[in-house]
Amino acid sequence: MHKTIQNLKTIENNIQTNLDNLNIINHTKIIAVSKTFKMDKILPLIEHGHIDYGENKVQEAVEKWTDVKEKNPNIKLHLIGKLQTNKVKFAVKLFDYIHSVDSLKLAKKISDESLKLNKKIKIFVQVNIGQEVQKSGIDKDDLDNLISFCKNLNLELVGLMCIPPLNLDPLIYFKQMSKLNKHYGFIDLSMGMSSDYLVAAENSATYLRIGSSIFGERS
């Protein structure tokens, strides 16, 4: 068995064991964050039947995934990095999910391009839950306005997303996000990475964005 498949199975088992021990029912999906990794490292997971993959940069994803997605139409590709408005048309064409919507301008551009391509794309609103000036995401106090705007555009808004502050206990932020997500009536919640995915899964995350624990450290 390929190392990446072993890693994925270990992570899946860790999540389920932890949830069982806590008597928590939560059906999580793992986004294998394949950014910067070449396709030869990803193919074993595709052949294993894993569906969800995450990329940070539109251009890298277009070059890597266009042909592979045509041959594997069940694959779901997630854009988890910041999206510039001039890349939206390429993102909407290739990706199935965009996790980083954080402004009215970006939401409007996604809506316009979705209409042009006649393609429904699922989106998450990224929340700057730690109120960090260097980090993308909308302030939670501005969520009402952006969510209403997305709904008025008839965008398929499926949940919230966050990246908690580095080197701080993520639990307090994940609890806030879970509460916010429930407040808005969303089912899906995108949070948790290699270092904190167990805590995220405990707090209602449905999409865990895991890269290095599956593929190894990036060079």
Protein backbone atom coordinates (compact mmCIF):
# COMPACT_ATOMS: atom_id res chain seq x y z
CA MET A 1 0.00 0.00 0.00
CA HIS A 2 1.30 3.45 -0.95
CA LYS A 3 2.43 5.65 1.95
CA THR A 4 -0.13 8.35 1.20
CA ILE A 5 -2.96 5.80 1.38
CA GLN A 6 -1.60 4.48 4.69
CA ASN A 7 -1.46 8.04 6.02
CA LEU A 8 -5.01 8.76 4.91
CA LYS A 9 -6.34 5.58 6.50
CA THR A 10 -4.53 6.38 9.75
CA ILE A 11 -6.06 9.86 9.84
CA GLU A 12 -9.54 8.49 9.12
CA ASN A 13 -9.15 5.95 11.93
CA ASN A 14 -7.82 8.58 14.36
CA ILE A 15 -10.81 10.82 13.67
CA GLN A 16 -13.39 8.06 14.07
CA THR A 17 -11.78 6.64 17.23
CA ASN A 18 -11.63 10.08 18.80
CA LEU A 19 -15.26 10.88 17.95
CA ASP A 20 -16.41 7.47 19.22
CA ASN A 21 -14.56 7.98 22.51
CA LEU A 22 -16.31 11.34 22.93
CA ASN A 23 -19.71 9.99 21.82
CA ILE A 24 -19.83 12.57 19.05
CA ILE A 25 -21.54 11.83 15.75
CA ASN A 26 -19.95 13.81 12.94
CA HIS A 27 -19.42 12.73 9.34
CA THR A 28 -16.24 14.43 8.19
CA LYS A 29 -14.66 14.57 4.75
CA ILE A 30 -10.93 14.94 4.28
CA ILE A 31 -9.67 17.37 1.66
CA ALA A 32 -6.23 16.10 0.67
CA VAL A 33 -4.37 19.39 0.28
CA SER A 34 -2.26 18.64 -2.78
CA LYS A 35 -0.85 22.13 -3.35
CA THR A 36 2.80 22.11 -4.53
CA PHE A 37 2.78 18.30 -4.88
CA LYS A 38 3.14 16.82 -8.35
CA MET A 39 0.49 14.51 -9.77
CA ASP A 40 2.64 11.38 -9.38
CA LYS A 41 2.34 11.84 -5.61
CA ILE A 42 -1.44 12.33 -5.84
CA LEU A 43 -2.36 9.54 -8.28
CA PRO A 44 -2.19 6.71 -5.71
CA LEU A 45 -4.91 8.46 -3.69
CA ILE A 46 -7.03 8.97 -6.81
CA GLU A 47 -6.65 5.28 -7.68
CA HIS A 48 -7.55 4.42 -4.07
CA GLY A 49 -10.84 6.24 -4.63
CA HIS A 50 -10.29 9.43 -2.62
CA ILE A 51 -12.43 12.22 -4.05
CA ASP A 52 -11.67 15.60 -2.37
CA TYR A 53 -8.48 17.56 -3.13
CA GLY A 54 -7.42 21.09 -2.20
CA GLU A 55 -5.30 23.63 -4.05
CA ASN A 56 -4.18 27.13 -3.10
CA LYS A 57 -3.34 28.66 -6.48
CA VAL A 58 -5.59 28.71 -9.51
CA GLN A 59 -2.85 28.57 -12.14
CA GLU A 60 -1.09 25.61 -10.51
CA ALA A 61 -4.42 23.79 -10.26
CA VAL A 62 -5.35 24.43 -13.90
CA GLU A 63 -2.03 22.96 -15.05
CA LYS A 64 -2.24 19.94 -12.73
CA TRP A 65 -5.90 19.03 -12.70
CA THR A 66 -7.59 19.92 -16.01
CA ASP A 67 -6.82 16.63 -17.76
CA VAL A 68 -7.04 14.52 -14.60
CA LYS A 69 -10.52 15.83 -13.79
CA GLU A 70 -11.74 15.09 -17.29
CA LYS A 71 -10.65 11.47 -16.84
CA ASN A 72 -11.98 11.32 -13.25
CA PRO A 73 -15.25 13.29 -13.22
CA ASN A 74 -16.10 12.21 -9.67
CA ILE A 75 -13.19 14.22 -8.23
CA LYS A 76 -14.16 17.31 -6.24
CA LEU A 77 -11.60 20.09 -6.35
CA HIS A 78 -11.53 22.68 -3.56
CA LEU A 79 -9.90 26.11 -3.82
CA ILE A 80 -8.72 26.85 -0.29
CA GLY A 81 -6.37 29.76 -0.97
CA LYS A 82 -7.07 33.43 -1.53
CA LEU A 83 -8.84 34.09 -4.82
CA GLN A 84 -8.12 37.23 -6.83
CA THR A 85 -10.99 38.55 -8.92
CA ASN A 86 -8.97 38.33 -12.15
CA LYS A 87 -8.64 34.55 -11.63
CA VAL A 88 -12.31 33.90 -10.87
CA LYS A 89 -13.29 32.78 -14.39
CA PHE A 90 -10.58 30.09 -14.35
CA ALA A 91 -11.48 29.04 -10.80
CA VAL A 92 -15.19 28.67 -11.52
CA LYS A 93 -14.47 26.59 -14.60
CA LEU A 94 -12.18 24.10 -12.78
CA PHE A 95 -13.17 24.00 -9.11
CA ASP A 96 -16.23 22.51 -7.46
CA TYR A 97 -15.84 24.39 -4.15
CA ILE A 98 -14.37 27.79 -3.25
CA HIS A 99 -13.58 28.09 0.47
CA SER A 100 -12.23 31.65 0.53
CA VAL A 101 -15.07 34.06 -0.30
CA ASP A 102 -14.57 37.11 1.90
CA SER A 103 -15.96 40.15 0.08
CA LEU A 104 -18.99 41.43 -1.82
CA LYS A 105 -16.81 42.09 -4.86
CA LEU A 106 -15.54 38.51 -4.99
CA ALA A 107 -19.01 37.05 -4.45
CA LYS A 108 -20.41 39.16 -7.31
CA LYS A 109 -17.60 38.11 -9.66
CA ILE A 110 -18.16 34.41 -8.84
CA SER A 111 -21.87 34.86 -9.48
CA ASP A 112 -21.24 36.55 -12.84
CA GLU A 113 -18.82 33.86 -14.03
CA SER A 114 -21.08 31.05 -12.80
CA LEU A 115 -23.92 32.46 -14.88
CA LYS A 116 -21.69 32.74 -17.95
CA LEU A 117 -20.57 29.12 -17.62
CA ASN A 118 -23.98 27.89 -16.44
CA LYS A 119 -22.21 26.12 -13.57
CA LYS A 120 -23.24 25.98 -9.93
CA ILE A 121 -20.26 26.14 -7.59
CA LYS A 122 -20.40 25.57 -3.84
CA ILE A 123 -18.87 28.31 -1.71
CA PHE A 124 -17.76 28.88 1.86
CA VAL A 125 -17.43 32.31 3.43
CA GLN A 126 -14.01 32.67 5.05
CA VAL A 127 -14.15 34.26 8.50
CA ASN A 128 -11.14 35.98 10.04
CA ILE A 129 -12.03 34.46 13.39
CA GLY A 130 -8.83 35.62 15.10
CA GLN A 131 -9.17 39.19 13.73
CA GLU A 132 -5.63 39.06 12.37
CA VAL A 133 -4.66 41.99 10.16
CA GLN A 134 -2.37 39.84 7.97
CA LYS A 135 -4.98 37.16 7.30
CA SER A 136 -7.77 36.96 4.73
CA GLY A 137 -11.39 36.57 5.76
CA ILE A 138 -14.29 38.74 6.74
CA ASP A 139 -14.85 40.02 10.26
CA LYS A 140 -17.61 38.05 11.97
CA ASP A 141 -19.49 41.32 12.59
CA ASP A 142 -19.81 41.77 8.81
CA LEU A 143 -21.07 38.24 8.15
CA ASP A 144 -24.77 39.12 7.99
CA ASN A 145 -24.25 41.50 5.11
CA LEU A 146 -22.05 39.17 3.03
CA ILE A 147 -24.24 36.10 3.60
CA SER A 148 -27.38 38.03 2.62
CA PHE A 149 -25.59 39.34 -0.46
CA CYS A 150 -24.53 35.81 -1.51
CA LYS A 151 -28.06 34.49 -1.05
CA ASN A 152 -29.51 37.35 -3.09
CA LEU A 153 -27.09 36.42 -5.88
CA ASN A 154 -28.43 32.85 -5.66
CA LEU A 155 -24.96 31.53 -4.89
CA GLU A 156 -24.83 28.04 -3.39
CA LEU A 157 -23.48 29.01 0.02
CA VAL A 158 -22.83 25.82 2.00
CA GLY A 159 -20.97 27.01 5.11
CA LEU A 160 -18.23 28.98 6.81
CA MET A 161 -14.44 28.49 6.75
CA CYS A 162 -11.63 29.63 9.02
CA ILE A 163 -7.91 29.38 9.67
CA PRO A 164 -7.30 29.98 13.40
CA PRO A 165 -4.30 31.95 14.65
CA LEU A 166 -1.02 30.06 14.51
CA ASN A 167 0.50 28.86 17.80
CA LEU A 168 -2.66 29.48 19.81
CA ASP A 169 -5.10 26.89 21.10
CA PRO A 170 -7.56 26.46 18.22
CA LEU A 171 -10.37 25.18 20.46
CA ILE A 172 -11.78 28.58 21.36
CA TYR A 173 -11.89 29.60 17.69
CA PHE A 174 -13.40 26.31 16.51
CA LYS A 175 -16.13 26.61 19.14
CA GLN A 176 -16.93 30.13 17.91
CA MET A 177 -17.06 28.92 14.32
CA SER A 178 -19.32 26.00 15.17
CA LYS A 179 -21.71 28.35 16.94
CA LEU A 180 -21.68 30.82 14.05
CA ASN A 181 -22.23 28.09 11.48
CA LYS A 182 -25.25 26.76 13.38
CA HIS A 183 -26.59 30.29 13.81
CA TYR A 184 -26.74 30.69 10.04
CA GLY A 185 -28.20 27.22 9.55
CA PHE A 186 -25.31 25.79 7.55
CA ILE A 187 -24.52 22.08 7.49
CA ASP A 188 -20.92 22.23 6.24
CA LEU A 189 -18.02 23.80 8.09
CA SER A 190 -14.48 24.00 6.68
CA MET A 191 -11.80 24.05 9.36
CA GLY A 192 -8.97 21.95 10.71
CA MET A 193 -5.57 21.12 9.26
CA SER A 194 -2.80 18.60 9.95
CA SER A 195 -2.02 20.07 13.38
CA ASP A 196 -5.58 20.40 14.71
CA TYR A 197 -7.95 18.23 12.69
CA LEU A 198 -9.08 16.14 15.69
CA VAL A 199 -10.18 19.25 17.58
CA ALA A 200 -11.92 20.57 14.46
CA ALA A 201 -13.80 17.30 13.97
CA GLU A 202 -14.94 17.44 17.60
CA ASN A 203 -16.43 20.87 16.92
CA SER A 204 -18.63 20.13 13.91
CA ALA A 205 -16.11 20.56 11.08
CA THR A 206 -17.31 18.59 8.06
CA TYR A 207 -14.39 19.38 5.74
CA LEU A 208 -10.87 18.96 7.13
CA ARG A 209 -8.06 20.41 5.01
CA ILE A 210 -5.11 18.05 5.54
CA GLY A 211 -1.90 18.19 3.53
CA SER A 212 1.43 17.35 5.16
CA SER A 213 0.02 14.52 7.30
CA ILE A 214 -1.01 12.79 4.09
CA PHE A 215 1.65 13.76 1.55
CA GLY A 216 4.60 14.55 3.83
CA GLU A 217 6.41 17.82 4.37
CA ARG A 218 6.64 20.23 1.46
CA SER A 219 10.15 20.87 0.17
